[in-house]
Amino acid sequence: MYLKMIFPALPEHMEMERLKLEVAELIEERGWLIGSGSEPDGGFIEVELEEDYNDPKFGIIAMKRYFQQERFAKETVMELAGIPIGLYE
């Protein structure tokens, strides 16, 4: 399952390299990091969550919890299969 996190900016304490490393570690047994990018108006992280051996909902919950704990902006969106969901919804 494809999941994309779209954020308006990184939290002040965060750098993109740290975010990529921590997300890769977080989903290590549930999927893999497939892309990332940053632009003046925000950035994104893309992951592919394993569906054959693991229930992808555990990876989704882990990603959502991580982004909330790191205090990403309320405008951050989780996109699942093309459907946007607010991070704090």
PDB file of N, CA and C in Angstrom:
ATOM      1  N   MET A   1       0.847  -1.171   0.000  1.00  0.00           N
ATOM      2  CA  MET A   1       0.000   0.000   0.000  1.00  0.00           C
ATOM      3  C   MET A   1       0.895   1.237   0.000  1.00  0.00           C
ATOM      4  N   TYR A   2       0.575   2.155  -0.889  1.00  0.00           N
ATOM      5  CA  TYR A   2       1.326   3.396  -1.032  1.00  0.00           C
ATOM      6  C   TYR A   2       0.817   4.429  -0.029  1.00  0.00           C
ATOM      7  N   LEU A   3       1.742   5.049   0.696  1.00  0.00           N
ATOM      8  CA  LEU A   3       1.395   6.100   1.656  1.00  0.00           C
ATOM      9  C   LEU A   3       2.339   7.272   1.438  1.00  0.00           C
ATOM     10  N   LYS A   4       1.768   8.464   1.403  1.00  0.00           N
ATOM     11  CA  LYS A   4       2.572   9.680   1.220  1.00  0.00           C
ATOM     12  C   LYS A   4       2.228  10.660   2.322  1.00  0.00           C
ATOM     13  N   MET A   5       3.239  11.169   2.992  1.00  0.00           N
ATOM     14  CA  MET A   5       3.072  12.205   4.002  1.00  0.00           C
ATOM     15  C   MET A   5       3.507  13.518   3.361  1.00  0.00           C
ATOM     16  N   ILE A   6       2.601  14.492   3.351  1.00  0.00           N
ATOM     17  CA  ILE A   6       2.870  15.796   2.754  1.00  0.00           C
ATOM     18  C   ILE A   6       2.828  16.834   3.872  1.00  0.00           C
ATOM     19  N   PHE A   7       3.911  17.575   4.040  1.00  0.00           N
ATOM     20  CA  PHE A   7       3.989  18.528   5.141  1.00  0.00           C
ATOM     21  C   PHE A   7       4.399  19.911   4.631  1.00  0.00           C
ATOM     22  N   PRO A   8       3.874  20.971   5.272  1.00  0.00           N
ATOM     23  CA  PRO A   8       4.200  22.333   4.835  1.00  0.00           C
ATOM     24  C   PRO A   8       5.639  22.739   5.182  1.00  0.00           C
ATOM     25  N   ALA A   9       6.186  22.163   6.233  1.00  0.00           N
ATOM     26  CA  ALA A   9       7.560  22.449   6.658  1.00  0.00           C
ATOM     27  C   ALA A   9       7.985  21.402   7.672  1.00  0.00           C
ATOM     28  N   LEU A  10       9.277  21.209   7.782  1.00  0.00           N
ATOM     29  CA  LEU A  10       9.797  20.331   8.832  1.00  0.00           C
ATOM     30  C   LEU A  10       9.733  21.069  10.161  1.00  0.00           C
ATOM     31  N   PRO A  11       9.539  20.346  11.259  1.00  0.00           N
ATOM     32  CA  PRO A  11       9.623  21.004  12.567  1.00  0.00           C
ATOM     33  C   PRO A  11      11.026  21.607  12.736  1.00  0.00           C
ATOM     34  N   GLU A  12      11.140  22.614  13.583  1.00  0.00           N
ATOM     35  CA  GLU A  12      12.410  23.319  13.764  1.00  0.00           C
ATOM     36  C   GLU A  12      13.563  22.400  14.138  1.00  0.00           C
ATOM     37  N   HIS A  13      13.292  21.361  14.908  1.00  0.00           N
ATOM     38  CA  HIS A  13      14.341  20.457  15.390  1.00  0.00           C
ATOM     39  C   HIS A  13      14.694  19.352  14.387  1.00  0.00           C
ATOM     40  N   MET A  14      14.091  19.346  13.208  1.00  0.00           N
ATOM     41  CA  MET A  14      14.202  18.230  12.270  1.00  0.00           C
ATOM     42  C   MET A  14      14.916  18.646  10.988  1.00  0.00           C
ATOM     43  N   GLU A  15      15.705  17.727  10.453  1.00  0.00           N
ATOM     44  CA  GLU A  15      16.318  17.881   9.134  1.00  0.00           C
ATOM     45  C   GLU A  15      15.806  16.739   8.261  1.00  0.00           C
ATOM     46  N   MET A  16      15.769  16.932   6.961  1.00  0.00           N
ATOM     47  CA  MET A  16      15.227  15.924   6.055  1.00  0.00           C
ATOM     48  C   MET A  16      15.968  14.595   6.151  1.00  0.00           C
ATOM     49  N   GLU A  17      17.277  14.626   6.274  1.00  0.00           N
ATOM     50  CA  GLU A  17      18.045  13.377   6.372  1.00  0.00           C
ATOM     51  C   GLU A  17      17.660  12.591   7.627  1.00  0.00           C
ATOM     52  N   ARG A  18      17.471  13.280   8.721  1.00  0.00           N
ATOM     53  CA  ARG A  18      17.046  12.617   9.961  1.00  0.00           C
ATOM     54  C   ARG A  18      15.651  12.020   9.784  1.00  0.00           C
ATOM     55  N   LEU A  19      14.749  12.758   9.163  1.00  0.00           N
ATOM     56  CA  LEU A  19      13.392  12.267   8.932  1.00  0.00           C
ATOM     57  C   LEU A  19      13.423  10.992   8.096  1.00  0.00           C
ATOM     58  N   LYS A  20      14.172  10.989   7.014  1.00  0.00           N
ATOM     59  CA  LYS A  20      14.251   9.803   6.150  1.00  0.00           C
ATOM     60  C   LYS A  20      14.815   8.600   6.901  1.00  0.00           C
ATOM     61  N   LEU A  21      15.860   8.817   7.680  1.00  0.00           N
ATOM     62  CA  LEU A  21      16.466   7.729   8.443  1.00  0.00           C
ATOM     63  C   LEU A  21      15.479   7.164   9.468  1.00  0.00           C
ATOM     64  N   GLU A  22      14.813   8.038  10.202  1.00  0.00           N
ATOM     65  CA  GLU A  22      13.892   7.583  11.241  1.00  0.00           C
ATOM     66  C   GLU A  22      12.659   6.897  10.654  1.00  0.00           C
ATOM     67  N   VAL A  23      12.150   7.394   9.533  1.00  0.00           N
ATOM     68  CA  VAL A  23      11.007   6.738   8.885  1.00  0.00           C
ATOM     69  C   VAL A  23      11.425   5.366   8.366  1.00  0.00           C
ATOM     70  N   ALA A  24      12.596   5.268   7.756  1.00  0.00           N
ATOM     71  CA  ALA A  24      13.081   3.975   7.266  1.00  0.00           C
ATOM     72  C   ALA A  24      13.214   2.969   8.407  1.00  0.00           C
ATOM     73  N   GLU A  25      13.726   3.409   9.555  1.00  0.00           N
ATOM     74  CA  GLU A  25      13.848   2.530  10.719  1.00  0.00           C
ATOM     75  C   GLU A  25      12.475   2.152  11.272  1.00  0.00           C
ATOM     76  N   LEU A  26      11.561   3.099  11.283  1.00  0.00           N
ATOM     77  CA  LEU A  26      10.220   2.883  11.818  1.00  0.00           C
ATOM     78  C   LEU A  26       9.465   1.801  11.047  1.00  0.00           C
ATOM     79  N   ILE A  27       9.593   1.812   9.736  1.00  0.00           N
ATOM     80  CA  ILE A  27       8.828   0.864   8.925  1.00  0.00           C
ATOM     81  C   ILE A  27       9.677  -0.298   8.413  1.00  0.00           C
ATOM     82  N   GLU A  28      10.835  -0.492   8.981  1.00  0.00           N
ATOM     83  CA  GLU A  28      11.803  -1.473   8.504  1.00  0.00           C
ATOM     84  C   GLU A  28      11.191  -2.839   8.197  1.00  0.00           C
ATOM     85  N   GLU A  29      10.356  -3.361   9.055  1.00  0.00           N
ATOM     86  CA  GLU A  29       9.763  -4.677   8.835  1.00  0.00           C
ATOM     87  C   GLU A  29       8.356  -4.600   8.265  1.00  0.00           C
ATOM     88  N   ARG A  30       7.896  -3.394   7.978  1.00  0.00           N
ATOM     89  CA  ARG A  30       6.538  -3.210   7.470  1.00  0.00           C
ATOM     90  C   ARG A  30       6.516  -2.673   6.044  1.00  0.00           C
ATOM     91  N   GLY A  31       7.653  -2.227   5.537  1.00  0.00           N
ATOM     92  CA  GLY A  31       7.695  -1.631   4.209  1.00  0.00           C
ATOM     93  C   GLY A  31       9.026  -0.955   3.968  1.00  0.00           C
ATOM     94  N   TRP A  32       9.032  -0.001   3.037  1.00  0.00           N
ATOM     95  CA  TRP A  32      10.278   0.665   2.716  1.00  0.00           C
ATOM     96  C   TRP A  32      10.014   2.076   2.213  1.00  0.00           C
ATOM     97  N   LEU A  33      10.995   2.919   2.399  1.00  0.00           N
ATOM     98  CA  LEU A  33      10.963   4.303   1.931  1.00  0.00           C
ATOM     99  C   LEU A  33      11.216   4.291   0.423  1.00  0.00           C
ATOM    100  N   ILE A  34      10.334   4.935  -0.348  1.00  0.00           N
ATOM    101  CA  ILE A  34      10.508   4.928  -1.798  1.00  0.00           C
ATOM    102  C   ILE A  34      10.781   6.316  -2.380  1.00  0.00           C
ATOM    103  N   GLY A  35      10.582   7.362  -1.588  1.00  0.00           N
ATOM    104  CA  GLY A  35      10.847   8.687  -2.112  1.00  0.00           C
ATOM    105  C   GLY A  35      10.710   9.768  -1.065  1.00  0.00           C
ATOM    106  N   SER A  36      11.307  10.909  -1.362  1.00  0.00           N
ATOM    107  CA  SER A  36      11.205  12.065  -0.474  1.00  0.00           C
ATOM    108  C   SER A  36      11.609  13.295  -1.264  1.00  0.00           C
ATOM    109  N   GLY A  37      11.218  14.431  -0.762  1.00  0.00           N
ATOM    110  CA  GLY A  37      11.597  15.671  -1.414  1.00  0.00           C
ATOM    111  C   GLY A  37      11.235  16.861  -0.569  1.00  0.00           C
ATOM    112  N   SER A  38      11.884  17.967  -0.840  1.00  0.00           N
ATOM    113  CA  SER A  38      11.555  19.204  -0.138  1.00  0.00           C
ATOM    114  C   SER A  38      11.558  20.345  -1.134  1.00  0.00           C
ATOM    115  N   GLU A  39      10.651  21.260  -0.906  1.00  0.00           N
ATOM    116  CA  GLU A  39      10.487  22.435  -1.745  1.00  0.00           C
ATOM    117  C   GLU A  39      10.260  23.620  -0.825  1.00  0.00           C
ATOM    118  N   PRO A  40      10.311  24.833  -1.340  1.00  0.00           N
ATOM    119  CA  PRO A  40      10.088  26.002  -0.488  1.00  0.00           C
ATOM    120  C   PRO A  40       8.742  25.978   0.245  1.00  0.00           C
ATOM    121  N   ASP A  41       7.728  25.359  -0.374  1.00  0.00           N
ATOM    122  CA  ASP A  41       6.408  25.337   0.262  1.00  0.00           C
ATOM    123  C   ASP A  41       6.123  24.037   0.998  1.00  0.00           C
ATOM    124  N   GLY A  42       7.138  23.214   1.272  1.00  0.00           N
ATOM    125  CA  GLY A  42       6.941  21.996   2.051  1.00  0.00           C
ATOM    126  C   GLY A  42       7.732  20.827   1.521  1.00  0.00           C
ATOM    127  N   GLY A  43       7.296  19.652   1.913  1.00  0.00           N
ATOM    128  CA  GLY A  43       8.000  18.452   1.502  1.00  0.00           C
ATOM    129  C   GLY A  43       7.113  17.235   1.603  1.00  0.00           C
ATOM    130  N   PHE A  44       7.709  16.076   1.299  1.00  0.00           N
ATOM    131  CA  PHE A  44       6.949  14.832   1.351  1.00  0.00           C
ATOM    132  C   PHE A  44       7.872  13.652   1.614  1.00  0.00           C
ATOM    133  N   ILE A  45       7.261  12.594   2.100  1.00  0.00           N
ATOM    134  CA  ILE A  45       7.906  11.299   2.284  1.00  0.00           C
ATOM    135  C   ILE A  45       6.955  10.282   1.682  1.00  0.00           C
ATOM    136  N   GLU A  46       7.471   9.363   0.868  1.00  0.00           N
ATOM    137  CA  GLU A  46       6.657   8.307   0.286  1.00  0.00           C
ATOM    138  C   GLU A  46       7.158   6.958   0.774  1.00  0.00           C
ATOM    139  N   VAL A  47       6.240   6.106   1.190  1.00  0.00           N
ATOM    140  CA  VAL A  47       6.596   4.758   1.620  1.00  0.00           C
ATOM    141  C   VAL A  47       5.655   3.746   0.970  1.00  0.00           C
ATOM    142  N   GLU A  48       6.148   2.542   0.839  1.00  0.00           N
ATOM    143  CA  GLU A  48       5.345   1.411   0.384  1.00  0.00           C
ATOM    144  C   GLU A  48       5.236   0.468   1.563  1.00  0.00           C
ATOM    145  N   LEU A  49       4.008   0.206   2.001  1.00  0.00           N
ATOM    146  CA  LEU A  49       3.786  -0.675   3.144  1.00  0.00           C
ATOM    147  C   LEU A  49       3.446  -2.080   2.660  1.00  0.00           C
ATOM    148  N   GLU A  50       4.102  -3.050   3.243  1.00  0.00           N
ATOM    149  CA  GLU A  50       3.921  -4.451   2.892  1.00  0.00           C
ATOM    150  C   GLU A  50       2.496  -4.892   3.184  1.00  0.00           C
ATOM    151  N   GLU A  51       1.873  -5.535   2.224  1.00  0.00           N
ATOM    152  CA  GLU A  51       0.508  -6.019   2.418  1.00  0.00           C
ATOM    153  C   GLU A  51       0.434  -7.536   2.485  1.00  0.00           C
ATOM    154  N   ASP A  52       1.424  -8.226   1.924  1.00  0.00           N
ATOM    155  CA  ASP A  52       1.359  -9.678   1.844  1.00  0.00           C
ATOM    156  C   ASP A  52       1.583 -10.371   3.182  1.00  0.00           C
ATOM    157  N   TYR A  53       2.498  -9.846   3.989  1.00  0.00           N
ATOM    158  CA  TYR A  53       2.857 -10.508   5.228  1.00  0.00           C
ATOM    159  C   TYR A  53       2.443  -9.736   6.478  1.00  0.00           C
ATOM    160  N   ASN A  54       2.197  -8.473   6.334  1.00  0.00           N
ATOM    161  CA  ASN A  54       1.819  -7.628   7.466  1.00  0.00           C
ATOM    162  C   ASN A  54       0.546  -6.875   7.125  1.00  0.00           C
ATOM    163  N   ASP A  55      -0.240  -6.588   8.132  1.00  0.00           N
ATOM    164  CA  ASP A  55      -1.405  -5.746   7.938  1.00  0.00           C
ATOM    165  C   ASP A  55      -0.889  -4.310   7.824  1.00  0.00           C
ATOM    166  N   PRO A  56      -1.136  -3.614   6.706  1.00  0.00           N
ATOM    167  CA  PRO A  56      -0.572  -2.272   6.541  1.00  0.00           C
ATOM    168  C   PRO A  56      -1.089  -1.253   7.550  1.00  0.00           C
ATOM    169  N   LYS A  57      -2.183  -1.563   8.243  1.00  0.00           N
ATOM    170  CA  LYS A  57      -2.695  -0.585   9.209  1.00  0.00           C
ATOM    171  C   LYS A  57      -1.690  -0.314  10.321  1.00  0.00           C
ATOM    172  N   PHE A  58      -0.853  -1.292  10.660  1.00  0.00           N
ATOM    173  CA  PHE A  58       0.148  -1.071  11.707  1.00  0.00           C
ATOM    174  C   PHE A  58       1.204  -0.061  11.243  1.00  0.00           C
ATOM    175  N   GLY A  59       1.591  -0.121   9.979  1.00  0.00           N
ATOM    176  CA  GLY A  59       2.519   0.857   9.427  1.00  0.00           C
ATOM    177  C   GLY A  59       1.892   2.237   9.340  1.00  0.00           C
ATOM    178  N   ILE A  60       0.620   2.295   8.977  1.00  0.00           N
ATOM    179  CA  ILE A  60      -0.102   3.562   8.899  1.00  0.00           C
ATOM    180  C   ILE A  60      -0.177   4.217  10.272  1.00  0.00           C
ATOM    181  N   ILE A  61      -0.533   3.439  11.272  1.00  0.00           N
ATOM    182  CA  ILE A  61      -0.629   3.948  12.646  1.00  0.00           C
ATOM    183  C   ILE A  61       0.741   4.412  13.140  1.00  0.00           C
ATOM    184  N   ALA A  62       1.778   3.645  12.847  1.00  0.00           N
ATOM    185  CA  ALA A  62       3.133   4.007  13.282  1.00  0.00           C
ATOM    186  C   ALA A  62       3.576   5.319  12.639  1.00  0.00           C
ATOM    187  N   MET A  63       3.296   5.492  11.346  1.00  0.00           N
ATOM    188  CA  MET A  63       3.669   6.734  10.662  1.00  0.00           C
ATOM    189  C   MET A  63       2.903   7.917  11.244  1.00  0.00           C
ATOM    190  N   LYS A  64       1.614   7.757  11.429  1.00  0.00           N
ATOM    191  CA  LYS A  64       0.797   8.847  11.965  1.00  0.00           C
ATOM    192  C   LYS A  64       1.276   9.243  13.359  1.00  0.00           C
ATOM    193  N   ARG A  65       1.530   8.262  14.196  1.00  0.00           N
ATOM    194  CA  ARG A  65       1.998   8.528  15.557  1.00  0.00           C
ATOM    195  C   ARG A  65       3.352   9.246  15.554  1.00  0.00           C
ATOM    196  N   TYR A  66       4.268   8.782  14.705  1.00  0.00           N
ATOM    197  CA  TYR A  66       5.591   9.409  14.623  1.00  0.00           C
ATOM    198  C   TYR A  66       5.467  10.882  14.244  1.00  0.00           C
ATOM    199  N   PHE A  67       4.710  11.182  13.196  1.00  0.00           N
ATOM    200  CA  PHE A  67       4.576  12.572  12.742  1.00  0.00           C
ATOM    201  C   PHE A  67       3.886  13.434  13.802  1.00  0.00           C
ATOM    202  N   GLN A  68       2.952  12.869  14.538  1.00  0.00           N
ATOM    203  CA  GLN A  68       2.313  13.623  15.622  1.00  0.00           C
ATOM    204  C   GLN A  68       3.292  13.872  16.765  1.00  0.00           C
ATOM    205  N   GLN A  69       4.050  12.862  17.156  1.00  0.00           N
ATOM    206  CA  GLN A  69       5.014  13.019  18.247  1.00  0.00           C
ATOM    207  C   GLN A  69       6.103  14.029  17.908  1.00  0.00           C
ATOM    208  N   GLU A  70       6.473  14.084  16.640  1.00  0.00           N
ATOM    209  CA  GLU A  70       7.505  15.035  16.222  1.00  0.00           C
ATOM    210  C   GLU A  70       6.933  16.429  15.992  1.00  0.00           C
ATOM    211  N   ARG A  71       5.652  16.581  16.237  1.00  0.00           N
ATOM    212  CA  ARG A  71       4.939  17.861  16.170  1.00  0.00           C
ATOM    213  C   ARG A  71       4.984  18.522  14.783  1.00  0.00           C
ATOM    214  N   PHE A  72       4.665  17.721  13.785  1.00  0.00           N
ATOM    215  CA  PHE A  72       4.516  18.297  12.448  1.00  0.00           C
ATOM    216  C   PHE A  72       3.281  19.180  12.448  1.00  0.00           C
ATOM    217  N   ALA A  73       3.246  20.146  11.557  1.00  0.00           N
ATOM    218  CA  ALA A  73       2.161  21.126  11.490  1.00  0.00           C
ATOM    219  C   ALA A  73       0.808  20.451  11.265  1.00  0.00           C
ATOM    220  N   LYS A  74      -0.235  21.113  11.744  1.00  0.00           N
ATOM    221  CA  LYS A  74      -1.594  20.566  11.615  1.00  0.00           C
ATOM    222  C   LYS A  74      -2.025  20.459  10.155  1.00  0.00           C
ATOM    223  N   GLU A  75      -1.360  21.156   9.246  1.00  0.00           N
ATOM    224  CA  GLU A  75      -1.676  21.079   7.823  1.00  0.00           C
ATOM    225  C   GLU A  75      -1.081  19.841   7.154  1.00  0.00           C
ATOM    226  N   THR A  76      -0.305  19.066   7.886  1.00  0.00           N
ATOM    227  CA  THR A  76       0.298  17.852   7.342  1.00  0.00           C
ATOM    228  C   THR A  76      -0.802  16.875   6.955  1.00  0.00           C
ATOM    229  N   VAL A  77      -0.618  16.245   5.802  1.00  0.00           N
ATOM    230  CA  VAL A  77      -1.630  15.334   5.266  1.00  0.00           C
ATOM    231  C   VAL A  77      -1.010  13.971   4.998  1.00  0.00           C
ATOM    232  N   MET A  78      -1.749  12.930   5.348  1.00  0.00           N
ATOM    233  CA  MET A  78      -1.395  11.562   5.016  1.00  0.00           C
ATOM    234  C   MET A  78      -2.260  11.176   3.818  1.00  0.00           C
ATOM    235  N   GLU A  79      -1.631  10.769   2.745  1.00  0.00           N
ATOM    236  CA  GLU A  79      -2.366  10.393   1.549  1.00  0.00           C
ATOM    237  C   GLU A  79      -2.291   8.880   1.378  1.00  0.00           C
ATOM    238  N   LEU A  80      -3.441   8.225   1.462  1.00  0.00           N
ATOM    239  CA  LEU A  80      -3.526   6.772   1.306  1.00  0.00           C
ATOM    240  C   LEU A  80      -4.302   6.468   0.036  1.00  0.00           C
ATOM    241  N   ALA A  81      -3.653   5.793  -0.893  1.00  0.00           N
ATOM    242  CA  ALA A  81      -4.306   5.437  -2.156  1.00  0.00           C
ATOM    243  C   ALA A  81      -4.970   6.656  -2.799  1.00  0.00           C
ATOM    244  N   GLY A  82      -4.319   7.804  -2.711  1.00  0.00           N
ATOM    245  CA  GLY A  82      -4.829   9.021  -3.323  1.00  0.00           C
ATOM    246  C   GLY A  82      -5.858   9.781  -2.515  1.00  0.00           C
ATOM    247  N   ILE A  83      -6.194   9.287  -1.331  1.00  0.00           N
ATOM    248  CA  ILE A  83      -7.189   9.946  -0.485  1.00  0.00           C
ATOM    249  C   ILE A  83      -6.475  10.683   0.645  1.00  0.00           C
ATOM    250  N   PRO A  84      -6.591  12.021   0.715  1.00  0.00           N
ATOM    251  CA  PRO A  84      -5.928  12.783   1.775  1.00  0.00           C
ATOM    252  C   PRO A  84      -6.662  12.693   3.110  1.00  0.00           C
ATOM    253  N   ILE A  85      -5.887  12.517   4.171  1.00  0.00           N
ATOM    254  CA  ILE A  85      -6.411  12.454   5.531  1.00  0.00           C
ATOM    255  C   ILE A  85      -5.547  13.364   6.391  1.00  0.00           C
ATOM    256  N   GLY A  86      -6.148  14.264   7.130  1.00  0.00           N
ATOM    257  CA  GLY A  86      -5.395  15.149   8.002  1.00  0.00           C
ATOM    258  C   GLY A  86      -4.636  14.372   9.068  1.00  0.00           C
ATOM    259  N   LEU A  87      -3.457  14.815   9.391  1.00  0.00           N
ATOM    260  CA  LEU A  87      -2.619  14.128  10.383  1.00  0.00           C
ATOM    261  C   LEU A  87      -3.285  14.040  11.743  1.00  0.00           C
ATOM    262  N   TYR A  88      -4.023  15.057  12.124  1.00  0.00           N
ATOM    263  CA  TYR A  88      -4.618  15.083  13.464  1.00  0.00           C
ATOM    264  C   TYR A  88      -6.097  14.752  13.452  1.00  0.00           C
ATOM    265  N   GLU A  89      -6.601  14.135  12.397  1.00  0.00           N
ATOM    266  CA  GLU A  89      -8.012  13.742  12.329  1.00  0.00           C
ATOM    267  C   GLU A  89      -8.190  12.374  12.956  1.00  0.00           C
TER     268      GLU A  89
END
